[in-house]
Amino acid sequence: SEQGRRVEALDTITEAVELYRELAVEHPAAGRPDLARGLNNLAVRLGDAGRQEESLAAITETVQLFRELATEDPHYYRAALGTTLNNLANRLSHLGRREDALAVITEAVELYQELAADQADSHHPEIARSLNNLANRFGEVGRHEEGLAAITEAVRLYRELALQHPRPYIPALASSLTNLAVRLGAVGRREEALAALREGLEIRRVLAEARPEVYGEDLEQSLRVQSWLLDGDRDGI
């Protein structure tokens, strides 16, 4: 997949899932977690191939498995359930099921907030990622102020994470700043939106200069947002 060989990647994970299904029948306790992880990977690969309905079916099964596992062992599997809920929300959004996607990502945010309350700040990366997703889902249903509140909190968390661990979280901070710019633009706060975007653009230019093959598309996305904001068309992105 990382080399762009999507067909082979899909064939490989499809075979893996078939093997995991057999193992899960023979040894349910050991096999179901691997089947759930394999199905999550399959859902991503199917989505990459544009097979959105099949991707949704795979991630729906994944979520169901992790729900069962989290009921049996909450300490170990609730975080994995949150990750798959994020993926399910994205798949639902791709298929235009916006209210369903919003409900699912709201559950993910609440789950991670509960985990963080029990385990200090250990789940802040997951909360930040889920809040970023939540902001997008709010935007899709026209709840722009709530989307702005969600992404503002995500940016705050990513700032803290980037200070502690710059390498993994500076790209995520840039992404959340770009999203913040979109949310601010959607409620007419253009100057604040441009300021947030400039900060994100500065980060993405540096990243894209160092690794254009990885971060070039992110930079292009921020430039499209900049064009939208400068045009003043709230419905243009």
C-alpha atoms as a PDB file:
ATOM      1  CA  SER A   1       0.000   0.000   0.000  1.00  0.00           C
ATOM      2  CA  GLU A   2       2.767   2.467   0.928  1.00  0.00           C
ATOM      3  CA  GLN A   3       4.322   1.875  -2.492  1.00  0.00           C
ATOM      4  CA  GLY A   4       1.053   2.596  -4.258  1.00  0.00           C
ATOM      5  CA  ARG A   5       0.463  -1.079  -5.164  1.00  0.00           C
ATOM      6  CA  ARG A   6      -3.154  -0.982  -4.042  1.00  0.00           C
ATOM      7  CA  VAL A   7      -4.473  -4.004  -5.906  1.00  0.00           C
ATOM      8  CA  GLU A   8      -1.798  -6.267  -4.449  1.00  0.00           C
ATOM      9  CA  ALA A   9      -2.330  -4.778  -1.003  1.00  0.00           C
ATOM     10  CA  LEU A  10      -6.051  -5.501  -1.222  1.00  0.00           C
ATOM     11  CA  ASP A  11      -5.441  -9.066  -2.408  1.00  0.00           C
ATOM     12  CA  THR A  12      -3.012  -9.649   0.460  1.00  0.00           C
ATOM     13  CA  ILE A  13      -5.260  -8.365   3.244  1.00  0.00           C
ATOM     14  CA  THR A  14      -8.236 -10.237   1.767  1.00  0.00           C
ATOM     15  CA  GLU A  15      -6.274 -13.471   2.070  1.00  0.00           C
ATOM     16  CA  ALA A  16      -5.219 -12.567   5.608  1.00  0.00           C
ATOM     17  CA  VAL A  17      -8.836 -11.955   6.651  1.00  0.00           C
ATOM     18  CA  GLU A  18      -9.870 -15.344   5.243  1.00  0.00           C
ATOM     19  CA  LEU A  19      -7.159 -17.008   7.333  1.00  0.00           C
ATOM     20  CA  TYR A  20      -8.156 -15.051  10.429  1.00  0.00           C
ATOM     21  CA  ARG A  21     -11.780 -16.143   9.979  1.00  0.00           C
ATOM     22  CA  GLU A  22     -10.719 -19.774  10.036  1.00  0.00           C
ATOM     23  CA  LEU A  23      -8.578 -19.198  13.122  1.00  0.00           C
ATOM     24  CA  ALA A  24     -11.385 -17.323  14.865  1.00  0.00           C
ATOM     25  CA  VAL A  25     -13.679 -20.322  14.392  1.00  0.00           C
ATOM     26  CA  GLU A  26     -11.084 -22.750  15.712  1.00  0.00           C
ATOM     27  CA  HIS A  27      -9.775 -20.538  18.536  1.00  0.00           C
ATOM     28  CA  PRO A  28     -12.273 -17.713  19.218  1.00  0.00           C
ATOM     29  CA  ALA A  29     -10.474 -16.168  22.190  1.00  0.00           C
ATOM     30  CA  ALA A  30      -7.195 -15.762  20.336  1.00  0.00           C
ATOM     31  CA  GLY A  31      -8.549 -15.395  16.813  1.00  0.00           C
ATOM     32  CA  ARG A  32     -11.250 -12.719  17.126  1.00  0.00           C
ATOM     33  CA  PRO A  33      -8.886  -9.810  17.944  1.00  0.00           C
ATOM     34  CA  ASP A  34      -6.711 -10.615  14.933  1.00  0.00           C
ATOM     35  CA  LEU A  35      -9.801 -10.927  12.739  1.00  0.00           C
ATOM     36  CA  ALA A  36     -11.014  -7.533  13.944  1.00  0.00           C
ATOM     37  CA  ARG A  37      -7.655  -5.902  13.170  1.00  0.00           C
ATOM     38  CA  GLY A  38      -7.510  -7.587   9.788  1.00  0.00           C
ATOM     39  CA  LEU A  39     -11.012  -6.391   8.908  1.00  0.00           C
ATOM     40  CA  ASN A  40     -10.052  -2.841   9.899  1.00  0.00           C
ATOM     41  CA  ASN A  41      -7.110  -3.012   7.494  1.00  0.00           C
ATOM     42  CA  LEU A  42      -9.339  -4.518   4.816  1.00  0.00           C
ATOM     43  CA  ALA A  43     -11.798  -1.645   5.206  1.00  0.00           C
ATOM     44  CA  VAL A  44      -9.008   0.879   4.613  1.00  0.00           C
ATOM     45  CA  ARG A  45      -7.727  -0.966   1.548  1.00  0.00           C
ATOM     46  CA  LEU A  46     -11.247  -1.271   0.099  1.00  0.00           C
ATOM     47  CA  GLY A  47     -11.749   2.440   0.656  1.00  0.00           C
ATOM     48  CA  ASP A  48      -8.467   3.159  -1.157  1.00  0.00           C
ATOM     49  CA  ALA A  49      -9.814   1.137  -4.071  1.00  0.00           C
ATOM     50  CA  GLY A  50     -13.056   3.139  -4.151  1.00  0.00           C
ATOM     51  CA  ARG A  51     -15.171   0.176  -3.051  1.00  0.00           C
ATOM     52  CA  GLN A  52     -16.959   2.168  -0.370  1.00  0.00           C
ATOM     53  CA  GLU A  53     -19.926  -0.121   0.280  1.00  0.00           C
ATOM     54  CA  GLU A  54     -17.664  -3.113   0.827  1.00  0.00           C
ATOM     55  CA  SER A  55     -15.403  -0.969   2.986  1.00  0.00           C
ATOM     56  CA  LEU A  56     -18.386   0.008   5.113  1.00  0.00           C
ATOM     57  CA  ALA A  57     -19.384  -3.635   5.532  1.00  0.00           C
ATOM     58  CA  ALA A  58     -15.866  -4.562   6.662  1.00  0.00           C
ATOM     59  CA  ILE A  59     -15.552  -1.732   9.188  1.00  0.00           C
ATOM     60  CA  THR A  60     -19.066  -2.375  10.497  1.00  0.00           C
ATOM     61  CA  GLU A  61     -18.069  -5.961  11.251  1.00  0.00           C
ATOM     62  CA  THR A  62     -14.857  -4.693  12.846  1.00  0.00           C
ATOM     63  CA  VAL A  63     -16.772  -2.379  15.176  1.00  0.00           C
ATOM     64  CA  GLN A  64     -19.126  -5.182  16.173  1.00  0.00           C
ATOM     65  CA  LEU A  65     -16.189  -7.454  17.033  1.00  0.00           C
ATOM     66  CA  PHE A  66     -14.452  -4.775  19.073  1.00  0.00           C
ATOM     67  CA  ARG A  67     -17.707  -3.985  20.890  1.00  0.00           C
ATOM     68  CA  GLU A  68     -17.882  -7.617  21.968  1.00  0.00           C
ATOM     69  CA  LEU A  69     -14.209  -7.684  22.928  1.00  0.00           C
ATOM     70  CA  ALA A  70     -14.487  -4.389  24.837  1.00  0.00           C
ATOM     71  CA  THR A  71     -17.409  -5.810  26.813  1.00  0.00           C
ATOM     72  CA  GLU A  72     -15.274  -8.803  27.781  1.00  0.00           C
ATOM     73  CA  ASP A  73     -12.056  -6.853  28.434  1.00  0.00           C
ATOM     74  CA  PRO A  74     -12.713  -3.075  28.620  1.00  0.00           C
ATOM     75  CA  HIS A  75      -9.192  -2.156  29.725  1.00  0.00           C
ATOM     76  CA  TYR A  76      -7.579  -3.697  26.671  1.00  0.00           C
ATOM     77  CA  TYR A  77     -10.084  -3.179  23.848  1.00  0.00           C
ATOM     78  CA  ARG A  78     -11.978   0.087  24.426  1.00  0.00           C
ATOM     79  CA  ALA A  79      -9.217   2.172  22.813  1.00  0.00           C
ATOM     80  CA  ALA A  80      -9.268  -0.103  19.745  1.00  0.00           C
ATOM     81  CA  LEU A  81     -13.034   0.327  19.596  1.00  0.00           C
ATOM     82  CA  GLY A  82     -12.540   4.093  19.503  1.00  0.00           C
ATOM     83  CA  THR A  83     -10.142   3.810  16.573  1.00  0.00           C
ATOM     84  CA  THR A  84     -12.562   1.691  14.573  1.00  0.00           C
ATOM     85  CA  LEU A  85     -15.447   4.058  15.369  1.00  0.00           C
ATOM     86  CA  ASN A  86     -13.363   6.835  13.793  1.00  0.00           C
ATOM     87  CA  ASN A  87     -12.910   4.706  10.696  1.00  0.00           C
ATOM     88  CA  LEU A  88     -16.609   3.834  10.588  1.00  0.00           C
ATOM     89  CA  ALA A  89     -17.521   7.516  10.788  1.00  0.00           C
ATOM     90  CA  ASN A  90     -15.256   8.253   7.825  1.00  0.00           C
ATOM     91  CA  ARG A  91     -16.775   5.464   5.756  1.00  0.00           C
ATOM     92  CA  LEU A  92     -20.314   6.642   6.539  1.00  0.00           C
ATOM     93  CA  SER A  93     -19.351  10.183   5.584  1.00  0.00           C
ATOM     94  CA  HIS A  94     -17.935   9.009   2.241  1.00  0.00           C
ATOM     95  CA  LEU A  95     -21.309   7.429   1.498  1.00  0.00           C
ATOM     96  CA  GLY A  96     -23.244  10.575   2.401  1.00  0.00           C
ATOM     97  CA  ARG A  97     -24.675   9.215   5.652  1.00  0.00           C
ATOM     98  CA  ARG A  98     -23.766  12.344   7.547  1.00  0.00           C
ATOM     99  CA  GLU A  99     -26.010  12.100  10.572  1.00  0.00           C
ATOM    100  CA  ASP A 100     -24.953   8.491  11.133  1.00  0.00           C
ATOM    101  CA  ALA A 101     -21.303   9.513  10.814  1.00  0.00           C
ATOM    102  CA  LEU A 102     -21.805  12.300  13.361  1.00  0.00           C
ATOM    103  CA  ALA A 103     -23.417   9.920  15.858  1.00  0.00           C
ATOM    104  CA  VAL A 104     -20.568   7.422  15.515  1.00  0.00           C
ATOM    105  CA  ILE A 105     -17.748   9.945  15.926  1.00  0.00           C
ATOM    106  CA  THR A 106     -19.538  11.516  18.890  1.00  0.00           C
ATOM    107  CA  GLU A 107     -19.464   8.094  20.544  1.00  0.00           C
ATOM    108  CA  ALA A 108     -15.737   7.807  19.820  1.00  0.00           C
ATOM    109  CA  VAL A 109     -14.977  11.199  21.398  1.00  0.00           C
ATOM    110  CA  GLU A 110     -16.989  10.342  24.510  1.00  0.00           C
ATOM    111  CA  LEU A 111     -15.269   6.967  24.802  1.00  0.00           C
ATOM    112  CA  TYR A 112     -11.786   8.494  24.623  1.00  0.00           C
ATOM    113  CA  GLN A 113     -12.698  11.222  27.089  1.00  0.00           C
ATOM    114  CA  GLU A 114     -13.791   8.542  29.558  1.00  0.00           C
ATOM    115  CA  LEU A 115     -10.532   6.660  29.014  1.00  0.00           C
ATOM    116  CA  ALA A 116      -8.495   9.828  29.517  1.00  0.00           C
ATOM    117  CA  ALA A 117     -10.330  10.561  32.764  1.00  0.00           C
ATOM    118  CA  ASP A 118      -9.277   7.146  34.043  1.00  0.00           C
ATOM    119  CA  GLN A 119      -5.732   7.194  32.640  1.00  0.00           C
ATOM    120  CA  ALA A 120      -4.563  10.826  32.901  1.00  0.00           C
ATOM    121  CA  ASP A 121      -3.432  12.210  29.514  1.00  0.00           C
ATOM    122  CA  SER A 122      -2.559   8.877  27.902  1.00  0.00           C
ATOM    123  CA  HIS A 123      -5.358   9.163  25.331  1.00  0.00           C
ATOM    124  CA  HIS A 124      -4.917  12.804  24.294  1.00  0.00           C
ATOM    125  CA  PRO A 125      -3.694  11.855  20.787  1.00  0.00           C
ATOM    126  CA  GLU A 126      -6.838   9.809  20.212  1.00  0.00           C
ATOM    127  CA  ILE A 127      -9.056  12.565  21.607  1.00  0.00           C
ATOM    128  CA  ALA A 128      -7.396  15.147  19.357  1.00  0.00           C
ATOM    129  CA  ARG A 129      -7.788  12.961  16.263  1.00  0.00           C
ATOM    130  CA  SER A 130     -11.411  12.210  17.102  1.00  0.00           C
ATOM    131  CA  LEU A 131     -12.199  15.880  17.755  1.00  0.00           C
ATOM    132  CA  ASN A 132     -10.720  16.777  14.375  1.00  0.00           C
ATOM    133  CA  ASN A 133     -12.987  14.167  12.809  1.00  0.00           C
ATOM    134  CA  LEU A 134     -15.948  15.407  14.868  1.00  0.00           C
ATOM    135  CA  ALA A 135     -15.387  18.957  13.618  1.00  0.00           C
ATOM    136  CA  ASN A 136     -15.601  17.732  10.023  1.00  0.00           C
ATOM    137  CA  ARG A 137     -18.782  15.804  10.700  1.00  0.00           C
ATOM    138  CA  PHE A 138     -20.389  18.826  12.396  1.00  0.00           C
ATOM    139  CA  GLY A 139     -19.451  20.904   9.375  1.00  0.00           C
ATOM    140  CA  GLU A 140     -21.115  18.436   7.019  1.00  0.00           C
ATOM    141  CA  VAL A 141     -24.470  18.874   8.774  1.00  0.00           C
ATOM    142  CA  GLY A 142     -24.183  22.662   9.068  1.00  0.00           C
ATOM    143  CA  ARG A 143     -23.460  22.805  12.805  1.00  0.00           C
ATOM    144  CA  HIS A 144     -20.536  25.163  12.301  1.00  0.00           C
ATOM    145  CA  GLU A 145     -20.232  26.632  15.793  1.00  0.00           C
ATOM    146  CA  GLU A 146     -20.051  23.153  17.319  1.00  0.00           C
ATOM    147  CA  GLY A 147     -17.533  22.177  14.685  1.00  0.00           C
ATOM    148  CA  LEU A 148     -15.450  25.222  15.583  1.00  0.00           C
ATOM    149  CA  ALA A 149     -15.531  24.321  19.278  1.00  0.00           C
ATOM    150  CA  ALA A 150     -14.380  20.768  18.502  1.00  0.00           C
ATOM    151  CA  ILE A 151     -11.473  21.775  16.286  1.00  0.00           C
ATOM    152  CA  THR A 152     -10.372  24.515  18.685  1.00  0.00           C
ATOM    153  CA  GLU A 153      -9.943  21.886  21.392  1.00  0.00           C
ATOM    154  CA  ALA A 154      -8.158  19.574  18.943  1.00  0.00           C
ATOM    155  CA  VAL A 155      -5.661  22.324  18.072  1.00  0.00           C
ATOM    156  CA  ARG A 156      -5.023  22.975  21.775  1.00  0.00           C
ATOM    157  CA  LEU A 157      -4.283  19.299  22.372  1.00  0.00           C
ATOM    158  CA  TYR A 158      -2.057  19.006  19.308  1.00  0.00           C
ATOM    159  CA  ARG A 159      -0.064  22.049  20.418  1.00  0.00           C
ATOM    160  CA  GLU A 160       0.676  20.342  23.722  1.00  0.00           C
ATOM    161  CA  LEU A 161       1.548  17.069  22.003  1.00  0.00           C
ATOM    162  CA  ALA A 162       3.794  18.791  19.441  1.00  0.00           C
ATOM    163  CA  LEU A 163       5.744  20.504  22.214  1.00  0.00           C
ATOM    164  CA  GLN A 164       6.379  17.165  23.898  1.00  0.00           C
ATOM    165  CA  HIS A 165       6.896  15.055  20.757  1.00  0.00           C
ATOM    166  CA  PRO A 166       7.465  17.302  17.710  1.00  0.00           C
ATOM    167  CA  ARG A 167       8.189  14.695  15.066  1.00  0.00           C
ATOM    168  CA  PRO A 168       4.931  12.710  15.188  1.00  0.00           C
ATOM    169  CA  TYR A 169       2.602  15.579  16.083  1.00  0.00           C
ATOM    170  CA  ILE A 170       3.729  18.667  14.181  1.00  0.00           C
ATOM    171  CA  PRO A 171       2.120  17.353  10.946  1.00  0.00           C
ATOM    172  CA  ALA A 172      -1.101  16.686  12.883  1.00  0.00           C
ATOM    173  CA  LEU A 173      -0.960  20.208  14.323  1.00  0.00           C
ATOM    174  CA  ALA A 174      -0.666  21.638  10.811  1.00  0.00           C
ATOM    175  CA  SER A 175      -3.640  19.559   9.685  1.00  0.00           C
ATOM    176  CA  SER A 176      -5.763  20.691  12.618  1.00  0.00           C
ATOM    177  CA  LEU A 177      -4.814  24.339  12.019  1.00  0.00           C
ATOM    178  CA  THR A 178      -5.979  24.006   8.424  1.00  0.00           C
ATOM    179  CA  ASN A 179      -9.241  22.514   9.648  1.00  0.00           C
ATOM    180  CA  LEU A 180      -9.547  25.332  12.181  1.00  0.00           C
ATOM    181  CA  ALA A 181      -9.192  27.819   9.344  1.00  0.00           C
ATOM    182  CA  VAL A 182     -12.040  26.132   7.478  1.00  0.00           C
ATOM    183  CA  ARG A 183     -14.284  26.166  10.559  1.00  0.00           C
ATOM    184  CA  LEU A 184     -13.514  29.828  11.273  1.00  0.00           C
ATOM    185  CA  GLY A 185     -14.198  30.677   7.648  1.00  0.00           C
ATOM    186  CA  ALA A 186     -17.536  28.869   7.813  1.00  0.00           C
ATOM    187  CA  VAL A 187     -18.729  31.197  10.592  1.00  0.00           C
ATOM    188  CA  GLY A 188     -17.440  34.339   8.878  1.00  0.00           C
ATOM    189  CA  ARG A 189     -14.331  34.914  11.021  1.00  0.00           C
ATOM    190  CA  ARG A 190     -12.111  35.400   7.993  1.00  0.00           C
ATOM    191  CA  GLU A 191      -9.136  37.207   9.530  1.00  0.00           C
ATOM    192  CA  GLU A 192      -8.807  34.644  12.314  1.00  0.00           C
ATOM    193  CA  ALA A 193      -9.143  31.905   9.711  1.00  0.00           C
ATOM    194  CA  LEU A 194      -6.315  33.359   7.648  1.00  0.00           C
ATOM    195  CA  ALA A 195      -4.109  33.653  10.721  1.00  0.00           C
ATOM    196  CA  ALA A 196      -4.662  29.981  11.623  1.00  0.00           C
ATOM    197  CA  LEU A 197      -4.054  28.982   8.014  1.00  0.00           C
ATOM    198  CA  ARG A 198      -0.811  30.955   7.795  1.00  0.00           C
ATOM    199  CA  GLU A 199       0.524  29.076  10.801  1.00  0.00           C
ATOM    200  CA  GLY A 200      -0.462  25.744   9.301  1.00  0.00           C
ATOM    201  CA  LEU A 201       0.947  26.701   5.900  1.00  0.00           C
ATOM    202  CA  GLU A 202       4.289  27.633   7.406  1.00  0.00           C
ATOM    203  CA  ILE A 203       4.579  24.182   8.958  1.00  0.00           C
ATOM    204  CA  ARG A 204       3.437  22.399   5.816  1.00  0.00           C
ATOM    205  CA  ARG A 205       5.856  24.297   3.577  1.00  0.00           C
ATOM    206  CA  VAL A 206       8.765  23.137   5.728  1.00  0.00           C
ATOM    207  CA  LEU A 207       7.486  19.566   5.766  1.00  0.00           C
ATOM    208  CA  ALA A 208       6.844  19.506   2.010  1.00  0.00           C
ATOM    209  CA  GLU A 209      10.266  20.934   1.250  1.00  0.00           C
ATOM    210  CA  ALA A 210      11.890  18.126   3.229  1.00  0.00           C
ATOM    211  CA  ARG A 211       9.601  15.316   2.018  1.00  0.00           C
ATOM    212  CA  PRO A 212       7.498  16.389  -0.970  1.00  0.00           C
ATOM    213  CA  GLU A 213       6.370  12.843  -1.709  1.00  0.00           C
ATOM    214  CA  VAL A 214       4.795  12.602   1.754  1.00  0.00           C
ATOM    215  CA  TYR A 215       3.596  16.129   2.486  1.00  0.00           C
ATOM    216  CA  GLY A 216       3.117  17.699  -0.948  1.00  0.00           C
ATOM    217  CA  GLU A 217      -0.618  16.922  -1.087  1.00  0.00           C
ATOM    218  CA  ASP A 218      -1.113  18.381   2.401  1.00  0.00           C
ATOM    219  CA  LEU A 219       0.495  21.626   1.269  1.00  0.00           C
ATOM    220  CA  GLU A 220      -1.763  21.730  -1.784  1.00  0.00           C
ATOM    221  CA  GLN A 221      -4.795  21.267   0.467  1.00  0.00           C
ATOM    222  CA  SER A 222      -3.795  24.248   2.625  1.00  0.00           C
ATOM    223  CA  LEU A 223      -3.257  26.365  -0.487  1.00  0.00           C
ATOM    224  CA  ARG A 224      -6.765  25.473  -1.694  1.00  0.00           C
ATOM    225  CA  VAL A 225      -8.161  26.567   1.675  1.00  0.00           C
ATOM    226  CA  GLN A 226      -6.214  29.813   1.374  1.00  0.00           C
ATOM    227  CA  SER A 227      -7.719  30.456  -2.054  1.00  0.00           C
ATOM    228  CA  TRP A 228     -11.207  29.755  -0.689  1.00  0.00           C
ATOM    229  CA  LEU A 229     -10.745  32.155   2.207  1.00  0.00           C
ATOM    230  CA  LEU A 230      -9.354  34.901   0.001  1.00  0.00           C
ATOM    231  CA  ASP A 231     -12.269  34.490  -2.412  1.00  0.00           C
ATOM    232  CA  GLY A 232     -14.699  34.916   0.504  1.00  0.00           C
ATOM    233  CA  ASP A 233     -17.008  32.083  -0.640  1.00  0.00           C
ATOM    234  CA  ARG A 234     -18.210  30.196   2.441  1.00  0.00           C
ATOM    235  CA  ASP A 235     -19.678  27.390   0.345  1.00  0.00           C
ATOM    236  CA  GLY A 236     -16.675  26.935  -1.922  1.00  0.00           C
ATOM    237  CA  ILE A 237     -14.815  24.205  -0.087  1.00  0.00           C
END
